[in-house]
Amino acid sequence: MYVSHLALNDYRSYREQVVELPASVVVLVGQNGRGKTNLVEALAYLSTFSSHRVSSSSALVRVAKEGEEQPGGAVVRARVQEAGRSSLLELEIARGRANRGRLNKSNVAPRELLGRLRTVVFAPEDLELLRGDPSTRRRFLDEIVTKLRPHFLGVRQDFDRVLRQRGATLKQLGRSGRGLSPEDESILEVWDRQLAELSATIVVHRQAVVAALQPLVTEAYNEITTGDRHARISYRSHLAGRGSGVGSTTGEEEDQNSSGGTENPLSAGIEVVGGRIEGDAEAQIAALTEDYVFALRQIRDKELRRGVNLEGAHRDDLLVILDGLPVKGYASHGELWSSALMLRLAELQLLRLDDDYPVLILDDVFAELDTSRRRGLLEQMAKVEQVIVTVAVEGDIPDNLSAHKIRVFRDEEGFSQTEVITESAGDTEVGEEGVEGRE
C-alpha cells in the first residue's frame, strides 16, 4: 500500500498543495515550523480520524490571516494504491458541523473511508505512551482496533457519550441529597447496562490486540536493540482487580509496581490473524457485561457520592515491561525511545495484510536514535512499500538511506509549499489520475 498523491486545502499551514509521492522512502526536509509534520498528520488523520498532536479537529483548519475570510473547513484528499487498485479518498474537516467524506468522487459517510488507508505513525509524542497517563495507552490500543475493524469507532464514540451522560446523572442524583426513587434506580440500571456492554466490547477487542502484539513486541525490541533485555506487554483490567471473577493473575505475570487492577488473561473469543480480526466474541462479551453490571451495583453508593464513573473500560491500562519492571518510572530516556519504537514496529507487523504493509510515517525521530537503533529501524523500513520520514536537516538522514527528498518551506505569504530535491531510483509512475484541487 502507498499514497501516490496527497492534496491539501486550508489544512493547517497549507492553503492549497498537491504532492506526488513514490512507492519508496520519502524524506520531507525542512526547518521546524515549515509544515513537514502537517503533511504526515493529514495522512494519519485520513487513516484514523484522529491526530497524534491535538484532540480537536478544529485545530486542523487553517487560521485565516488578518483581513482574510476564515475557511469553513479543511479538505484532505489522497489517492491510495493497493494490490493493483486505486482509490481516491476525500475528507472535509468542517468547523461547527459534521465532517463529510467522498470515495472515488461519490459522497459517503466519513466512516466508509476508515480502513481504506492504513498508517502507522512514530513521532516524538509517542514517548507519552510510556510516561503518560493510562488514557494514552488505551487510545493506542483502541486506534489499532479501529484500523482492524473500522466500525469499532462507533463503539468508542458511543462509550464516550455514555460516560458523559451517566456521569452527569450520577452528579445530579448524588447532589439531590435524597435517597434513590424506583424511577432513579431504573434510570441508573439502563445506564449501567449500556456502560457494561460497551466496556465489555472494548475490553475484549483490546485484549485480542494485546495477545497478538505480545510476540511482535518482544521480536521488535530485539531487532532494534542488542537483544539482551526481555520486553513484554500486558493488559491490566481494573475490573479484574475487584475480584469479580474476570480472569486471574499468575505469579510470573504479577506486577506489584503498577497501581490498581490485575493483569487479565488474553482474549480467546477473537484473535488477530493476517491483519484481520477473526472469531466470535459474543459469548465472551455477554459474560463480561454481566461482570460489569454486578460491579457497578456494588459501587453504586460510592459513585453517587463522588459523581463519577468508577468502573469501566476507561479505568484499564496497558503495561509495558522490560526485564520484569514497568518502563514507566524505571526506564532511561533511551529505553523510552526504544520502547515507543518497539510498540509502533509491532503495530506495523500486526496491521500487515498478507505482505501488504501500512504506510509507515516517521516524524522527526532519527535525530534521537543512536547508530544501532537507526540500523534496526532501517532494516524494518526495507520491508515496507512506502515510508515517509520528516527531518529538520538533511544531516539527520542516515547516509545509507536512498530516498526521494522533498523540501518543505514557507512562501512569501507564509503558506507551506513543497518542491522535489532528489528523486529516488524507486520512484513509481502513477499515471495521470492524481488528485484534483478544490472543486
Protein backbone atom coordinates (compact mmCIF):
# COMPACT_ATOMS: atom_id res chain seq x y z
CA MET A 1 0.00 0.00 0.00
CA TYR A 2 1.16 3.52 -0.75
CA VAL A 3 -0.19 7.02 -1.33
CA SER A 4 0.65 8.31 -4.81
CA HIS A 5 -0.81 11.80 -4.38
CA LEU A 6 -1.80 13.95 -1.42
CA ALA A 7 -3.78 17.19 -1.79
CA LEU A 8 -4.50 19.67 0.99
CA ASN A 9 -6.81 22.68 1.04
CA ASP A 10 -6.84 25.01 4.05
CA TYR A 11 -5.19 22.38 6.22
CA ARG A 12 -3.08 23.95 8.98
CA SER A 13 -0.29 25.91 7.23
CA TYR A 14 -1.35 24.85 3.71
CA ARG A 15 -3.72 26.90 1.61
CA GLU A 16 -3.58 24.65 -1.45
CA GLN A 17 -0.99 21.98 -2.16
CA VAL A 18 -0.66 18.77 -4.19
CA VAL A 19 2.26 16.41 -3.52
CA GLU A 20 3.25 13.36 -5.58
CA LEU A 21 4.71 10.55 -3.51
CA PRO A 22 6.53 7.48 -4.87
CA ALA A 23 6.30 3.94 -3.55
CA SER A 24 9.61 4.16 -1.72
CA VAL A 25 11.21 6.08 1.12
CA VAL A 26 10.13 9.72 1.04
CA VAL A 27 12.01 12.25 3.16
CA LEU A 28 10.43 15.61 3.92
CA VAL A 29 13.20 18.09 4.72
CA GLY A 30 12.62 21.48 6.28
CA GLN A 31 13.27 23.64 9.29
CA ASN A 32 10.90 23.38 12.22
CA GLY A 33 7.59 25.13 11.71
CA ARG A 34 7.63 24.86 7.91
CA GLY A 35 4.86 22.27 7.59
CA LYS A 36 6.50 18.83 7.42
CA THR A 37 4.52 17.34 10.28
CA ASN A 38 1.32 18.91 8.96
CA LEU A 39 1.67 16.80 5.81
CA VAL A 40 2.12 13.50 7.58
CA GLU A 41 -0.52 14.41 10.17
CA ALA A 42 -3.03 14.86 7.33
CA LEU A 43 -2.31 11.35 6.07
CA ALA A 44 -2.64 9.88 9.53
CA TYR A 45 -5.89 11.76 10.15
CA LEU A 46 -7.37 10.37 6.96
CA SER A 47 -6.45 6.91 8.24
CA THR A 48 -7.83 7.11 11.78
CA PHE A 49 -9.82 10.40 12.09
CA SER A 50 -7.50 11.37 14.93
CA SER A 51 -4.28 13.35 15.25
CA HIS A 52 -1.19 12.40 17.22
CA ARG A 53 -0.78 16.09 18.09
CA VAL A 54 -4.19 17.53 19.04
CA SER A 55 -7.51 16.20 20.30
CA SER A 56 -9.80 18.66 18.49
CA SER A 57 -10.19 18.51 14.72
CA SER A 58 -10.95 22.25 14.60
CA ALA A 59 -7.22 22.87 15.13
CA LEU A 60 -6.58 21.25 11.73
CA VAL A 61 -8.37 24.02 9.81
CA ARG A 62 -6.11 26.82 8.62
CA VAL A 63 -6.36 30.05 10.60
CA ALA A 64 -7.03 32.97 8.28
CA LYS A 65 -4.67 35.88 8.04
CA GLU A 66 -5.78 39.34 9.08
CA GLY A 67 -8.36 40.69 6.65
CA GLU A 68 -8.98 37.24 5.10
CA GLU A 69 -12.21 35.30 5.47
CA GLN A 70 -11.86 32.32 7.81
CA PRO A 71 -12.07 28.98 5.92
CA GLY A 72 -15.12 26.94 6.89
CA GLY A 73 -13.11 23.74 6.85
CA ALA A 74 -10.11 21.85 5.56
CA VAL A 75 -10.01 19.20 2.84
CA VAL A 76 -7.64 16.24 2.68
CA ARG A 77 -7.50 14.12 -0.47
CA ALA A 78 -5.30 11.09 -1.08
CA ARG A 79 -5.01 8.61 -3.91
CA VAL A 80 -4.24 5.22 -2.40
CA GLN A 81 -2.70 2.39 -4.40
CA GLU A 82 -3.21 -1.13 -3.08
CA ALA A 83 -2.97 -4.51 -4.77
CA GLY A 84 -3.35 -3.01 -8.23
CA ARG A 85 -6.39 -0.93 -7.20
CA SER A 86 -6.54 2.83 -7.00
CA SER A 87 -8.90 4.68 -4.65
CA LEU A 88 -9.45 8.41 -4.17
CA LEU A 89 -10.26 9.30 -0.56
CA GLU A 90 -11.52 12.73 0.43
CA LEU A 91 -12.42 14.08 3.85
CA GLU A 92 -13.74 17.55 4.58
CA ILE A 93 -12.98 18.58 8.15
CA ALA A 94 -15.61 21.18 8.90
CA ARG A 95 -15.87 23.80 11.62
CA GLY A 96 -19.01 23.52 13.71
CA ARG A 97 -20.59 20.66 11.76
CA ALA A 98 -20.09 17.03 10.87
CA ASN A 99 -17.25 16.02 8.58
CA ARG A 100 -18.07 14.89 5.06
CA GLY A 101 -16.49 12.10 3.04
CA ARG A 102 -16.14 11.09 -0.59
CA LEU A 103 -14.83 7.87 -2.08
CA ASN A 104 -13.89 7.86 -5.75
CA LYS A 105 -15.81 11.17 -6.10
CA SER A 106 -19.03 9.74 -4.63
CA ASN A 107 -20.44 11.05 -1.35
CA VAL A 108 -20.15 8.56 1.51
CA ALA A 109 -20.41 8.62 5.28
CA PRO A 110 -16.96 9.50 6.64
CA ARG A 111 -16.77 6.10 8.37
CA GLU A 112 -16.74 4.48 4.93
CA LEU A 113 -13.23 5.88 4.47
CA LEU A 114 -11.84 4.14 7.55
CA GLY A 115 -9.65 1.19 6.67
CA ARG A 116 -9.04 2.40 3.10
CA LEU A 117 -5.68 3.85 4.14
CA ARG A 118 -3.65 2.14 6.83
CA THR A 119 -0.85 4.08 8.51
CA VAL A 120 1.48 3.65 11.45
CA VAL A 121 2.98 6.83 12.90
CA PHE A 122 6.07 7.00 15.11
CA ALA A 123 6.55 10.52 16.48
CA PRO A 124 8.18 12.23 19.47
CA GLU A 125 4.73 12.37 21.08
CA ASP A 126 4.91 8.58 21.38
CA LEU A 127 7.07 8.97 24.46
CA GLU A 128 3.78 9.70 26.23
CA LEU A 129 2.81 6.10 25.51
CA LEU A 130 5.36 5.12 28.13
CA ARG A 131 5.45 8.01 30.59
CA GLY A 132 1.96 9.50 30.19
CA ASP A 133 -1.45 8.73 31.64
CA PRO A 134 -3.18 5.36 31.02
CA SER A 135 -5.59 7.14 28.67
CA THR A 136 -2.74 7.49 26.15
CA ARG A 137 -2.09 3.76 26.17
CA ARG A 138 -5.79 2.93 25.97
CA ARG A 139 -6.05 5.18 22.95
CA PHE A 140 -3.10 3.37 21.36
CA LEU A 141 -4.96 0.05 21.64
CA ASP A 142 -8.30 1.49 20.56
CA GLU A 143 -6.84 3.06 17.44
CA ILE A 144 -5.29 -0.26 16.43
CA VAL A 145 -8.67 -1.98 16.88
CA THR A 146 -10.29 0.73 14.74
CA LYS A 147 -7.75 0.15 11.98
CA LEU A 148 -8.51 -3.57 12.09
CA ARG A 149 -12.29 -3.17 12.46
CA PRO A 150 -13.41 0.33 11.37
CA HIS A 151 -16.92 0.12 12.84
CA PHE A 152 -15.23 -0.01 16.28
CA LEU A 153 -15.01 3.79 16.02
CA GLY A 154 -18.76 3.89 16.60
CA VAL A 155 -18.35 1.77 19.74
CA ARG A 156 -15.74 4.20 21.05
CA GLN A 157 -17.96 7.20 20.33
CA ASP A 158 -20.97 5.56 22.00
CA PHE A 159 -18.82 4.70 25.02
CA ASP A 160 -17.64 8.32 25.40
CA ARG A 161 -21.26 9.52 25.13
CA VAL A 162 -22.47 7.06 27.78
CA LEU A 163 -19.62 8.02 30.11
CA ARG A 164 -20.57 11.69 29.87
CA GLN A 165 -24.30 11.18 30.29
CA ARG A 166 -24.03 8.59 33.04
CA GLY A 167 -21.55 10.79 34.88
CA ALA A 168 -23.93 13.75 34.65
CA THR A 169 -26.75 11.56 36.01
CA LEU A 170 -24.62 10.41 38.94
CA LYS A 171 -23.76 14.01 39.82
CA GLN A 172 -27.37 15.13 39.61
CA LEU A 173 -28.70 12.30 41.75
CA GLY A 174 -25.83 12.49 44.23
CA ARG A 175 -26.32 16.21 44.83
CA SER A 176 -30.05 15.85 45.40
CA GLY A 177 -29.40 14.71 48.98
CA ARG A 178 -32.28 12.26 48.91
CA GLY A 179 -32.44 8.53 48.50
CA LEU A 180 -32.96 6.97 45.11
CA SER A 181 -36.54 6.55 44.00
CA PRO A 182 -37.62 3.50 41.97
CA GLU A 183 -37.52 5.73 38.89
CA ASP A 184 -33.94 6.80 39.71
CA GLU A 185 -32.93 3.17 40.16
CA SER A 186 -34.46 2.31 36.80
CA ILE A 187 -32.60 5.13 35.05
CA LEU A 188 -29.27 4.06 36.54
CA GLU A 189 -29.86 0.44 35.60
CA VAL A 190 -30.28 1.49 31.97
CA TRP A 191 -27.04 3.45 32.09
CA ASP A 192 -25.29 0.59 33.90
CA ARG A 193 -26.29 -1.85 31.18
CA GLN A 194 -25.09 0.42 28.37
CA LEU A 195 -21.78 1.15 30.10
CA ALA A 196 -21.28 -2.55 30.85
CA GLU A 197 -21.98 -3.72 27.29
CA LEU A 198 -19.76 -1.10 25.68
CA SER A 199 -16.95 -1.67 28.21
CA ALA A 200 -17.08 -5.42 27.62
CA THR A 201 -16.93 -4.96 23.83
CA ILE A 202 -13.97 -2.59 24.09
CA VAL A 203 -12.03 -4.71 26.58
CA VAL A 204 -12.44 -7.95 24.63
CA HIS A 205 -11.11 -6.28 21.48
CA ARG A 206 -8.23 -4.65 23.35
CA GLN A 207 -7.25 -8.00 24.82
CA ALA A 208 -7.23 -9.60 21.38
CA VAL A 209 -4.87 -6.87 20.14
CA VAL A 210 -2.58 -7.26 23.15
CA ALA A 211 -2.45 -11.02 22.63
CA ALA A 212 -1.40 -10.53 19.01
CA LEU A 213 1.06 -7.74 19.81
CA GLN A 214 2.88 -9.57 22.60
CA PRO A 215 5.23 -11.76 20.49
CA LEU A 216 5.68 -8.93 17.99
CA VAL A 217 6.75 -6.57 20.78
CA THR A 218 9.42 -8.98 22.01
CA GLU A 219 10.68 -9.51 18.47
CA ALA A 220 10.68 -5.79 17.63
CA TYR A 221 12.66 -4.85 20.74
CA ASN A 222 15.29 -7.47 19.96
CA GLU A 223 15.60 -6.20 16.38
CA ILE A 224 16.26 -2.57 17.31
CA THR A 225 18.48 -3.18 20.35
CA THR A 226 21.25 -5.55 21.35
CA GLY A 227 18.63 -8.10 22.37
CA ASP A 228 19.95 -8.52 25.91
CA ARG A 229 16.68 -7.49 27.56
CA HIS A 230 13.21 -9.03 27.50
CA ALA A 231 10.27 -6.80 26.60
CA ARG A 232 6.63 -7.66 27.01
CA ILE A 233 3.23 -6.02 27.36
CA SER A 234 0.17 -6.96 29.37
CA TYR A 235 -3.38 -5.69 29.68
CA ARG A 236 -4.35 -4.59 33.19
CA SER A 237 -8.05 -4.81 33.91
CA HIS A 238 -9.40 -2.58 36.68
CA LEU A 239 -12.48 -4.81 36.89
CA ALA A 240 -10.40 -7.93 37.49
CA GLY A 241 -8.75 -6.18 40.43
CA ARG A 242 -12.12 -6.07 42.16
CA GLY A 243 -12.12 -9.86 42.42
CA SER A 244 -15.09 -10.06 40.08
CA GLY A 245 -14.02 -13.42 38.73
CA VAL A 246 -12.83 -11.91 35.46
CA GLY A 247 -9.53 -13.63 34.95
CA SER A 248 -6.71 -14.28 37.34
CA THR A 249 -3.06 -13.43 37.74
CA THR A 250 -0.17 -15.87 37.57
CA GLY A 251 2.94 -15.37 39.64
CA GLU A 252 5.09 -14.52 36.63
CA GLU A 253 2.59 -12.02 35.30
CA GLU A 254 2.05 -10.17 38.58
CA ASP A 255 3.43 -6.65 38.57
CA GLN A 256 3.42 -5.16 42.04
CA ASN A 257 4.92 -1.91 40.79
CA SER A 258 1.79 -0.87 38.90
CA SER A 259 -1.08 0.68 40.78
CA GLY A 260 -4.54 -0.85 40.79
CA GLY A 261 -6.07 -3.65 38.82
CA THR A 262 -4.92 -7.09 37.82
CA GLU A 263 -3.48 -8.40 34.58
CA ASN A 264 -6.22 -10.08 32.66
CA PRO A 265 -5.89 -13.29 30.60
CA LEU A 266 -5.87 -12.53 26.91
CA SER A 267 -8.92 -12.82 24.74
CA ALA A 268 -9.85 -16.23 23.37
CA GLY A 269 -13.12 -15.34 21.61
CA ILE A 270 -11.46 -13.38 18.82
CA GLU A 271 -7.92 -13.08 17.53
CA VAL A 272 -5.94 -11.03 15.05
CA VAL A 273 -4.82 -13.14 12.09
CA GLY A 274 -3.15 -11.77 8.97
CA GLY A 275 -4.14 -8.19 9.68
CA ARG A 276 -7.78 -9.06 10.37
CA ILE A 277 -9.89 -9.73 13.45
CA GLU A 278 -11.40 -13.20 13.29
CA GLY A 279 -13.62 -15.26 15.56
CA ASP A 280 -16.80 -14.72 17.56
CA ALA A 281 -16.66 -12.82 20.85
CA GLU A 282 -20.41 -12.70 21.51
CA ALA A 283 -20.38 -15.16 24.42
CA GLN A 284 -17.29 -13.58 25.96
CA ILE A 285 -18.74 -10.07 25.70
CA ALA A 286 -22.04 -11.23 27.22
CA ALA A 287 -20.29 -12.81 30.22
CA LEU A 288 -18.05 -9.80 30.78
CA THR A 289 -21.08 -7.49 30.53
CA GLU A 290 -22.70 -9.25 33.48
CA ASP A 291 -19.48 -8.91 35.50
CA TYR A 292 -19.50 -5.17 34.85
CA VAL A 293 -23.19 -4.87 35.76
CA PHE A 294 -22.54 -6.68 39.05
CA ALA A 295 -19.51 -4.48 39.82
CA LEU A 296 -21.45 -1.29 39.11
CA ARG A 297 -24.19 -2.34 41.53
CA GLN A 298 -21.58 -2.95 44.22
CA ILE A 299 -20.12 0.56 43.93
CA ARG A 300 -23.38 2.45 43.37
CA ASP A 301 -23.22 4.42 46.64
CA LYS A 302 -19.57 5.37 46.11
CA GLU A 303 -20.24 6.60 42.57
CA LEU A 304 -23.15 8.71 43.75
CA ARG A 305 -21.06 10.31 46.49
CA ARG A 306 -18.27 11.18 44.08
CA GLY A 307 -20.39 11.83 40.99
CA VAL A 308 -18.04 9.97 38.63
CA ASN A 309 -17.87 6.67 36.73
CA LEU A 310 -15.63 4.44 38.83
CA GLU A 311 -15.73 1.30 36.71
CA GLY A 312 -15.49 0.59 33.01
CA ALA A 313 -13.08 0.24 30.13
CA HIS A 314 -11.82 3.78 30.89
CA ARG A 315 -10.11 2.51 34.06
CA ASP A 316 -7.81 -0.04 32.40
CA ASP A 317 -4.18 0.25 31.37
CA LEU A 318 -1.53 -1.32 29.15
CA LEU A 319 1.66 -2.36 30.93
CA VAL A 320 4.96 -2.13 29.04
CA ILE A 321 7.64 -4.09 30.87
CA LEU A 322 11.41 -4.58 30.48
CA ASP A 323 13.01 -7.41 32.44
CA GLY A 324 10.07 -7.56 34.83
CA LEU A 325 9.96 -3.82 35.61
CA PRO A 326 7.46 -1.33 34.15
CA VAL A 327 9.02 1.06 31.67
CA LYS A 328 7.13 3.95 33.23
CA GLY A 329 9.16 5.21 36.15
CA TYR A 330 12.15 2.90 35.61
CA ALA A 331 13.40 3.26 32.05
CA SER A 332 16.08 5.70 30.86
CA HIS A 333 15.37 8.20 28.09
CA GLY A 334 16.99 5.90 25.52
CA GLU A 335 14.94 2.94 26.72
CA LEU A 336 11.77 5.03 26.45
CA TRP A 337 12.57 5.80 22.82
CA SER A 338 13.34 2.16 22.08
CA SER A 339 10.15 1.00 23.77
CA ALA A 340 8.00 3.52 21.91
CA LEU A 341 9.59 2.49 18.62
CA MET A 342 9.07 -1.15 19.61
CA LEU A 343 5.33 -0.60 20.03
CA ARG A 344 4.97 1.08 16.65
CA LEU A 345 7.00 -1.58 14.81
CA ALA A 346 4.89 -4.27 16.46
CA GLU A 347 1.78 -2.40 15.31
CA LEU A 348 3.23 -2.24 11.79
CA GLN A 349 3.60 -6.03 11.70
CA LEU A 350 0.16 -6.56 13.23
CA LEU A 351 -1.61 -4.43 10.61
CA ARG A 352 0.13 -6.13 7.70
CA LEU A 353 -2.39 -7.71 5.34
CA ASP A 354 -0.54 -10.71 3.93
CA ASP A 355 2.62 -9.00 2.57
CA ASP A 356 0.98 -5.58 2.23
CA TYR A 357 2.29 -3.22 4.90
CA PRO A 358 0.63 0.02 6.05
CA VAL A 359 2.30 3.31 5.18
CA LEU A 360 4.97 3.91 7.81
CA ILE A 361 5.37 7.53 8.97
CA LEU A 362 8.44 8.53 10.99
CA ASP A 363 8.07 12.07 12.26
CA ASP A 364 11.38 13.63 13.32
CA VAL A 365 12.81 10.55 15.01
CA PHE A 366 16.24 9.84 13.51
CA ALA A 367 17.93 12.61 15.49
CA GLU A 368 17.00 10.80 18.73
CA LEU A 369 18.22 7.34 17.71
CA ASP A 370 21.76 6.07 18.18
CA THR A 371 23.60 4.13 15.47
CA SER A 372 22.43 0.66 16.46
CA ARG A 373 18.78 1.70 16.76
CA ARG A 374 18.97 3.51 13.43
CA ARG A 375 20.31 0.33 11.87
CA GLY A 376 17.50 -1.72 13.33
CA LEU A 377 14.88 0.76 12.14
CA LEU A 378 16.34 0.85 8.62
CA GLU A 379 16.07 -2.92 8.42
CA GLN A 380 12.39 -2.71 9.28
CA MET A 381 11.83 0.13 6.79
CA ALA A 382 13.20 -2.03 3.98
CA LYS A 383 10.17 -4.31 4.28
CA VAL A 384 7.63 -1.53 3.78
CA GLU A 385 6.41 -0.31 0.40
CA GLN A 386 6.18 3.34 1.43
CA VAL A 387 7.91 5.11 4.32
CA ILE A 388 7.52 8.85 4.88
CA VAL A 389 10.19 10.47 7.05
CA THR A 390 10.46 14.04 8.31
CA VAL A 391 13.79 15.63 9.24
CA ALA A 392 14.79 19.16 10.15
CA VAL A 393 18.18 18.94 8.41
CA GLU A 394 19.49 16.57 5.76
CA GLY A 395 22.30 15.59 8.11
CA ASP A 396 19.76 13.63 10.16
CA ILE A 397 19.17 11.29 7.22
CA PRO A 398 21.25 8.09 7.52
CA ASP A 399 23.99 8.02 4.88
CA ASN A 400 22.94 4.64 3.51
CA LEU A 401 19.28 5.59 3.05
CA SER A 402 18.22 6.00 -0.58
CA ALA A 403 15.22 8.29 -0.62
CA HIS A 404 13.01 10.63 -2.60
CA LYS A 405 13.62 14.00 -0.95
CA ILE A 406 11.09 16.82 -0.80
CA ARG A 407 11.83 20.23 0.65
CA VAL A 408 9.10 21.86 2.73
CA PHE A 409 9.26 25.64 3.12
CA ARG A 410 7.15 28.75 3.62
CA ASP A 411 6.45 31.11 0.71
CA GLU A 412 6.37 34.89 0.93
CA GLU A 413 2.79 34.83 2.19
CA GLY A 414 3.66 32.36 4.93
CA PHE A 415 1.94 29.32 3.42
CA SER A 416 3.68 25.95 3.33
CA GLN A 417 4.95 24.73 -0.04
CA THR A 418 6.87 21.70 -1.31
CA GLU A 419 9.44 21.05 -4.01
CA VAL A 420 11.32 17.91 -5.03
CA ILE A 421 15.03 17.90 -4.14
CA THR A 422 16.05 14.39 -5.22
CA GLU A 423 14.09 11.70 -7.00
CA SER A 424 14.92 8.20 -5.79
CA ALA A 425 15.57 5.30 -8.12
CA GLY A 426 12.47 3.65 -6.72
CA ASP A 427 10.04 6.35 -7.88
CA THR A 428 6.89 4.83 -9.32
CA GLU A 429 4.93 6.05 -12.31
CA VAL A 430 1.36 6.76 -11.20
CA GLY A 431 -0.19 7.86 -14.47
CA GLU A 432 -2.38 10.91 -14.87
CA GLU A 433 -5.01 10.11 -12.23
CA GLY A 434 -3.68 12.23 -9.40
CA VAL A 435 -5.87 14.19 -7.05
CA GLU A 436 -7.72 17.27 -8.10
CA GLY A 437 -7.63 20.58 -6.28
CA ARG A 438 -10.72 22.08 -4.64
CA GLU A 439 -13.74 21.71 -6.90
